[in-house]
Each structure stands twice: as structure tokens, then as C-alpha cells.
């Protein structure tokens, strides 16, 4: 039994050896890289640094894995969406059905977007989801000055609450857009982050001491699940914030709201 478990672990680890990379000059940099075949694909990580043509549409590179059971699984390498540096054109990136297979980082450069689930430019119908491989708790660290947009344009069929998001501004102030979905995922702001689409948010918003949170184009209401650190500053960009639930504030007198 032990040997069987070890062999299964080795087989699974071996599956996550390949990367998806586009640099604006290779054949992978094209509009709609298409389906992934039965069972989907296992990737160590993804790096999108431009496409080799200048397509129209909202998302220039979209993985259309919308069939049942066809997941794009990404492991520790995470997902990076950069601005083109080696020729080609800048590109936003999207995945219809993404499975998070390990703790990882999503680094999206300023001016770029990474979409999970449906987008206006993708075909209607099919399945769209954000799930965790083996239903295990996962941590996704969102970095860079760009935006991660989840479920924009269409309700995802499945969003796993086991995936927690951590926002870190070391590489630029990140944006996380929940597209006004009733998501229950925990969001932790380590230092600074911008939040959009929060009107139906049902999860736990956690801020570290002296963090800075910007709400942009949305309405948000604190709940008993929130845990707001001392000296947290909130900035409102065409937004509203209801902090009537003061029990979530570690030090109510130290928090500031800037409109």
C-alpha cells in the first residue's frame, strides 16, 4: 500500500513538469489556443509575455476548456502575465476552467488583466470554474499592478471557497475583481490592494496592521467575518463602505476612510 501511494505521488508530481510560455514570437502566442483534450492539462506554471499577432477582442489569449472535466491545472509556478518585451504585442489572458494545484503566485503586470471564467469575448455556453485540485485548501498570492478578474461577464458554475487570496503590493498595487459574485473566499491584504466587485461578497476580509485598501467602483459592507487590523486605511473610488459592524475592527478608532 505504501509503495502504491508513493508511485501515485511520483506520477502526479511528474505531470507538473511543463510550462505554458508565450513571448510574442513563438507559435503559442495566438488568439484562442483552443481546447486541451480529454482530462485537461497539468502545468508547472504559465507565463504570458505577449502574443505574435494583434488580435481584436477583450481577451487576446483565452483557454477555451469549457467541456466537462477538462481542467487546466497549475502548480507551484503560478501564473504570470507580463507586458511584451521580446517583440509581439501585449496580451490579456483568460482560462475558462482553472484548477489550483498548489499554493502559488498570480503576478499580473500593470495594464494587463488575468481573467478566470467567462469573458465577453469568449463563446457562450460551456462550463466555467475556479476550483482546487483534490479539494485541498490553497493560497493564491496576487501581485503586480494589473488586475485579476474572476467570473466577469457570466456566473461561474463553481468557485471553490477553499482558495484564499493574499494581496501583496511588493511588485505594484494589485487589483482583485470579484465581479459582484457572492463569493466566500478569504481575502487577506498584507500591505495594499484594490478591490472591485464586492457588493455581494460573503467571505472574510482580513487586513494586516497599517494596510491600505482601496474599494473601486463598488459597494462593500463589513460583516462579523471581517478582521480589520489597527491603523488600516480605506480609500473609496466611486464606492461606498459600510463599517457599522464594528466588532470586525481590532482598533476602531485607528481606522481611516478617505473619499
Protein backbone atom coordinates (compact mmCIF):
# COMPACT_ATOMS: atom_id res chain seq x y z
CA UNK A 1 0.00 0.00 0.00
CA UNK A 2 2.82 2.42 0.91
CA UNK A 3 4.58 1.70 -2.39
CA UNK A 4 1.36 2.29 -4.30
CA UNK A 5 0.84 5.65 -2.59
CA UNK A 6 4.45 6.63 -3.34
CA UNK A 7 4.10 5.67 -7.01
CA UNK A 8 0.90 7.68 -7.27
CA UNK A 9 2.61 10.70 -5.71
CA UNK A 10 5.56 10.40 -8.11
CA UNK A 11 3.22 10.06 -11.09
CA UNK A 12 1.30 13.16 -10.04
CA UNK A 13 4.46 15.20 -9.48
CA UNK A 14 5.83 14.16 -12.87
CA UNK A 15 2.71 15.53 -14.54
CA UNK A 16 3.55 19.06 -13.40
CA UNK A 17 6.81 19.45 -15.33
CA UNK A 18 5.73 21.54 -18.33
CA UNK A 19 5.23 25.27 -18.66
CA UNK A 20 2.99 27.25 -20.98
CA UNK A 21 5.05 30.21 -22.21
CA UNK A 22 4.30 32.85 -24.85
CA UNK A 23 6.78 35.62 -25.62
CA UNK A 24 5.23 37.30 -28.64
CA UNK A 25 7.36 35.46 -31.17
CA UNK A 26 6.55 31.77 -30.81
CA UNK A 27 3.66 29.78 -32.26
CA UNK A 28 1.90 29.52 -28.91
CA UNK A 29 1.22 33.24 -28.91
CA UNK A 30 -2.04 33.27 -30.85
CA UNK A 31 -5.68 34.06 -30.33
CA UNK A 32 -7.54 31.16 -28.68
CA UNK A 33 -5.07 28.37 -28.02
CA UNK A 34 -8.12 26.11 -28.04
CA UNK A 35 -9.23 23.11 -26.04
CA UNK A 36 -6.98 20.85 -24.01
CA UNK A 37 -8.34 17.43 -24.89
CA UNK A 38 -9.88 14.86 -22.60
CA UNK A 39 -8.87 15.32 -18.97
CA UNK A 40 -7.28 18.71 -19.49
CA UNK A 41 -3.63 19.52 -18.88
CA UNK A 42 -1.15 19.66 -15.99
CA UNK A 43 1.24 22.64 -15.93
CA UNK A 44 4.05 23.68 -13.62
CA UNK A 45 3.17 27.27 -14.42
CA UNK A 46 2.13 29.81 -17.07
CA UNK A 47 3.99 32.86 -18.34
CA UNK A 48 2.31 35.12 -20.89
CA UNK A 49 4.59 37.87 -22.17
CA UNK A 50 2.85 38.93 -25.37
CA UNK A 51 1.33 37.37 -28.48
CA UNK A 52 2.66 37.27 -32.03
CA UNK A 53 -0.30 38.99 -33.66
CA UNK A 54 -2.56 41.86 -32.70
CA UNK A 55 -6.00 40.31 -32.27
CA UNK A 56 -9.17 42.18 -31.52
CA UNK A 57 -11.49 41.33 -28.69
CA UNK A 58 -11.29 41.88 -24.97
CA UNK A 59 -9.03 38.95 -24.07
CA UNK A 60 -6.42 38.24 -26.69
CA UNK A 61 -5.41 34.83 -25.34
CA UNK A 62 -8.16 32.66 -23.85
CA UNK A 63 -8.04 28.96 -22.98
CA UNK A 64 -11.42 27.62 -24.08
CA UNK A 65 -11.51 24.49 -21.93
CA UNK A 66 -15.27 24.59 -21.42
CA UNK A 67 -16.09 20.86 -21.63
CA UNK A 68 -16.91 18.79 -18.56
CA UNK A 69 -13.79 17.56 -16.73
CA UNK A 70 -11.35 19.41 -18.98
CA UNK A 71 -9.35 21.45 -16.47
CA UNK A 72 -6.18 23.45 -16.79
CA UNK A 73 -4.28 22.55 -13.62
CA UNK A 74 -1.50 24.90 -12.50
CA UNK A 75 1.03 24.05 -9.81
CA UNK A 76 3.72 25.98 -7.90
CA UNK A 77 4.94 28.01 -10.90
CA UNK A 78 1.72 30.01 -10.77
CA UNK A 79 0.60 32.46 -13.46
CA UNK A 80 2.47 35.49 -14.76
CA UNK A 81 1.00 37.96 -17.26
CA UNK A 82 3.66 40.45 -18.37
CA UNK A 83 3.93 43.26 -20.86
CA UNK A 84 5.72 42.23 -24.06
CA UNK A 85 9.49 42.74 -24.01
CA UNK A 86 10.74 40.38 -26.76
CA UNK A 87 8.59 41.50 -29.67
CA UNK A 88 4.93 40.93 -30.34
CA UNK A 89 2.02 42.64 -28.64
CA UNK A 90 0.77 42.93 -25.08
CA UNK A 91 -2.00 40.48 -24.26
CA UNK A 92 -4.53 39.84 -21.55
CA UNK A 93 -5.07 36.20 -20.62
CA UNK A 94 -8.01 34.06 -19.56
CA UNK A 95 -8.89 30.49 -18.59
CA UNK A 96 -12.39 29.02 -18.64
CA UNK A 97 -11.81 26.24 -16.08
CA UNK A 98 -8.81 26.64 -13.78
CA UNK A 99 -7.78 24.21 -11.05
CA UNK A 100 -5.28 25.45 -8.48
CA UNK A 101 -2.98 22.51 -7.73
CA UNK A 102 -0.65 24.13 -5.16
CA UNK A 103 -0.02 27.38 -3.31
CA UNK A 104 1.11 29.84 -5.96
CA UNK A 105 1.50 33.44 -7.12
CA UNK A 106 -0.50 35.26 -9.78
CA UNK A 107 1.64 38.17 -10.94
CA UNK A 108 -0.14 40.47 -13.40
CA UNK A 109 1.74 43.48 -14.78
CA UNK A 110 0.30 46.99 -14.76
CA UNK A 111 -2.11 47.45 -17.65
CA UNK A 112 -2.74 43.71 -18.03
CA UNK A 113 -5.62 41.52 -16.85
CA UNK A 114 -5.95 37.84 -15.99
CA UNK A 115 -9.50 36.50 -16.28
CA UNK A 116 -10.79 33.35 -14.58
CA UNK A 117 -14.04 32.08 -16.05
CA UNK A 118 -16.13 33.59 -18.78
CA UNK A 119 -15.31 36.78 -20.60
CA UNK A 120 -17.42 38.81 -23.01
CA UNK A 121 -15.17 37.78 -25.88
CA UNK A 122 -15.47 34.02 -25.28
CA UNK A 123 -18.23 31.83 -26.70
CA UNK A 124 -21.40 31.45 -24.69
CA UNK A 125 -22.30 28.08 -23.21
CA UNK A 126 -19.95 25.55 -21.69
CA UNK A 127 -18.53 25.31 -18.18
CA UNK A 128 -16.52 27.92 -16.29
CA UNK A 129 -14.97 27.34 -12.87
CA UNK A 130 -12.24 28.07 -10.34
CA UNK A 131 -11.55 25.03 -8.17
CA UNK A 132 -8.86 23.42 -6.02
CA UNK A 133 -7.24 20.15 -7.06
CA UNK A 134 -8.20 17.37 -4.64
CA UNK A 135 -10.38 19.88 -2.75
CA UNK A 136 -7.39 20.99 -0.67
CA UNK A 137 -7.02 24.48 0.87
CA UNK A 138 -4.84 26.67 -1.37
CA UNK A 139 -3.21 30.08 -1.06
CA UNK A 140 -3.00 32.34 -4.12
CA UNK A 141 -0.84 35.45 -3.72
CA UNK A 142 -1.93 38.24 -6.07
CA UNK A 143 0.88 40.63 -7.04
CA UNK A 144 1.72 43.20 -9.69
CA UNK A 145 -0.01 46.41 -10.74
CA UNK A 146 -2.53 44.66 -13.03
CA UNK A 147 -5.89 43.03 -12.29
CA UNK A 148 -7.24 39.55 -11.59
CA UNK A 149 -10.90 39.36 -12.62
CA UNK A 150 -12.98 36.37 -11.54
CA UNK A 151 -16.24 35.49 -13.25
CA UNK A 152 -16.67 38.75 -15.14
CA UNK A 153 -19.35 38.53 -17.84
CA UNK A 154 -21.03 35.36 -16.57
CA UNK A 155 -21.71 33.48 -13.36
CA UNK A 156 -19.12 30.75 -12.90
CA UNK A 157 -20.51 27.26 -12.49
CA UNK A 158 -18.27 26.62 -9.50
CA UNK A 159 -15.99 28.79 -7.35
CA UNK A 160 -14.17 26.94 -4.58
CA UNK A 161 -14.15 28.67 -1.20
CA UNK A 162 -11.03 26.66 -0.34
CA UNK A 163 -8.89 29.12 -2.31
CA UNK A 164 -7.72 32.05 -0.22
CA UNK A 165 -6.34 35.20 -1.84
CA UNK A 166 -3.45 37.20 -0.39
CA UNK A 167 -2.77 40.66 -1.84
CA UNK A 168 0.82 41.89 -1.73
CA UNK A 169 2.00 45.22 -3.17
CA UNK A 170 5.71 44.43 -3.38
CA UNK A 171 5.54 44.33 -7.21
CA UNK A 172 2.87 47.01 -7.63
CA UNK A 173 -0.59 47.52 -6.17
CA UNK A 174 -2.73 44.55 -7.25
CA UNK A 175 -6.43 44.62 -8.14
CA UNK A 176 -8.82 41.77 -7.36
CA UNK A 177 -12.23 41.96 -9.03
CA UNK A 178 -14.92 39.55 -7.76
CA UNK A 179 -17.42 40.77 -10.38
CA UNK A 180 -20.16 41.16 -7.76
CA UNK A 181 -20.39 37.40 -7.19
CA UNK A 182 -21.43 36.01 -3.82
CA UNK A 183 -18.00 34.54 -3.17
CA UNK A 184 -16.96 33.29 0.26
CA UNK A 185 -13.20 33.17 -0.31
CA UNK A 186 -10.97 34.75 2.34
CA UNK A 187 -9.07 37.82 1.13
CA UNK A 188 -6.02 38.96 3.09
CA UNK A 189 -4.43 42.35 2.35
CA UNK A 190 -0.84 42.25 3.59
CA UNK A 191 0.06 45.84 2.77
CA UNK A 192 -2.06 47.35 -0.02
CA UNK A 193 -4.63 46.23 -2.57
CA UNK A 194 -7.54 47.42 -4.72
CA UNK A 195 -10.86 45.55 -4.53
CA UNK A 196 -13.66 45.68 -7.11
CA UNK A 197 -16.99 43.86 -7.47
CA UNK A 198 -17.52 43.46 -3.71
CA UNK A 199 -21.24 44.17 -3.39
CA UNK A 200 -22.23 40.51 -2.84
CA UNK A 201 -19.06 39.38 -1.09
CA UNK A 202 -19.74 36.86 1.71
CA UNK A 203 -16.23 35.96 2.79
CA UNK A 204 -13.71 37.16 5.34
CA UNK A 205 -11.69 40.28 4.55
CA UNK A 206 -8.52 40.38 6.66
CA UNK A 207 -6.07 43.27 6.77
CA UNK A 208 -2.70 43.41 8.42
CA UNK A 209 -1.83 46.34 10.67
CA UNK A 210 -1.28 49.59 8.69
CA UNK A 211 -2.64 48.06 5.48
CA UNK A 212 -4.23 50.21 2.77
CA UNK A 213 -7.37 49.00 0.98
CA UNK A 214 -8.94 50.80 -1.98
CA UNK A 215 -12.52 50.00 -2.98
CA UNK A 216 -13.07 50.95 -6.61
CA UNK A 217 -16.45 51.22 -8.37
CA UNK A 218 -18.27 49.07 -5.84
CA UNK A 219 -20.20 48.95 -2.59
CA UNK A 220 -18.97 46.92 0.35
CA UNK A 221 -20.41 46.05 3.74
CA UNK A 222 -18.39 44.71 6.64
CA UNK A 223 -19.55 41.53 8.36
CA UNK A 224 -18.62 39.69 11.52
CA UNK A 225 -16.25 37.58 9.41
CA UNK A 226 -14.04 40.55 8.63
CA UNK A 227 -10.90 41.12 10.71
CA UNK A 228 -9.54 44.62 10.15
CA UNK A 229 -6.11 45.35 11.60
CA UNK A 230 -5.23 48.50 13.50
CA UNK A 231 -4.40 51.64 11.50
CA UNK A 232 -5.94 50.25 8.32
CA UNK A 233 -6.71 52.96 5.79
CA UNK A 234 -9.60 52.69 3.34
CA UNK A 235 -9.82 54.73 0.15
CA UNK A 236 -13.11 54.97 -1.76
CA UNK A 237 -13.01 55.45 -5.54
CA UNK A 238 -16.63 55.90 -6.62
CA UNK A 239 -17.53 53.44 -3.88
CA UNK A 240 -19.32 53.07 -0.56
CA UNK A 241 -18.19 51.20 2.55
CA UNK A 242 -20.44 50.27 5.48
CA UNK A 243 -18.42 49.66 8.65
CA UNK A 244 -21.39 49.52 11.01
CA UNK A 245 -20.21 46.05 12.08
CA UNK A 246 -17.56 47.49 14.40
CA UNK A 247 -16.81 44.11 16.00
CA UNK A 248 -14.62 43.35 12.98
CA UNK A 249 -12.29 46.26 13.79
CA UNK A 250 -9.34 45.40 16.04
CA UNK A 251 -8.95 49.10 16.90
CA UNK A 252 -11.99 51.08 15.67
CA UNK A 253 -10.50 54.47 16.47
CA UNK A 254 -7.39 53.91 14.37
CA UNK A 255 -9.03 53.10 11.01
CA UNK A 256 -9.44 55.87 8.44
CA UNK A 257 -11.70 56.25 5.41
CA UNK A 258 -10.68 58.60 2.59
CA UNK A 259 -13.23 59.52 -0.08
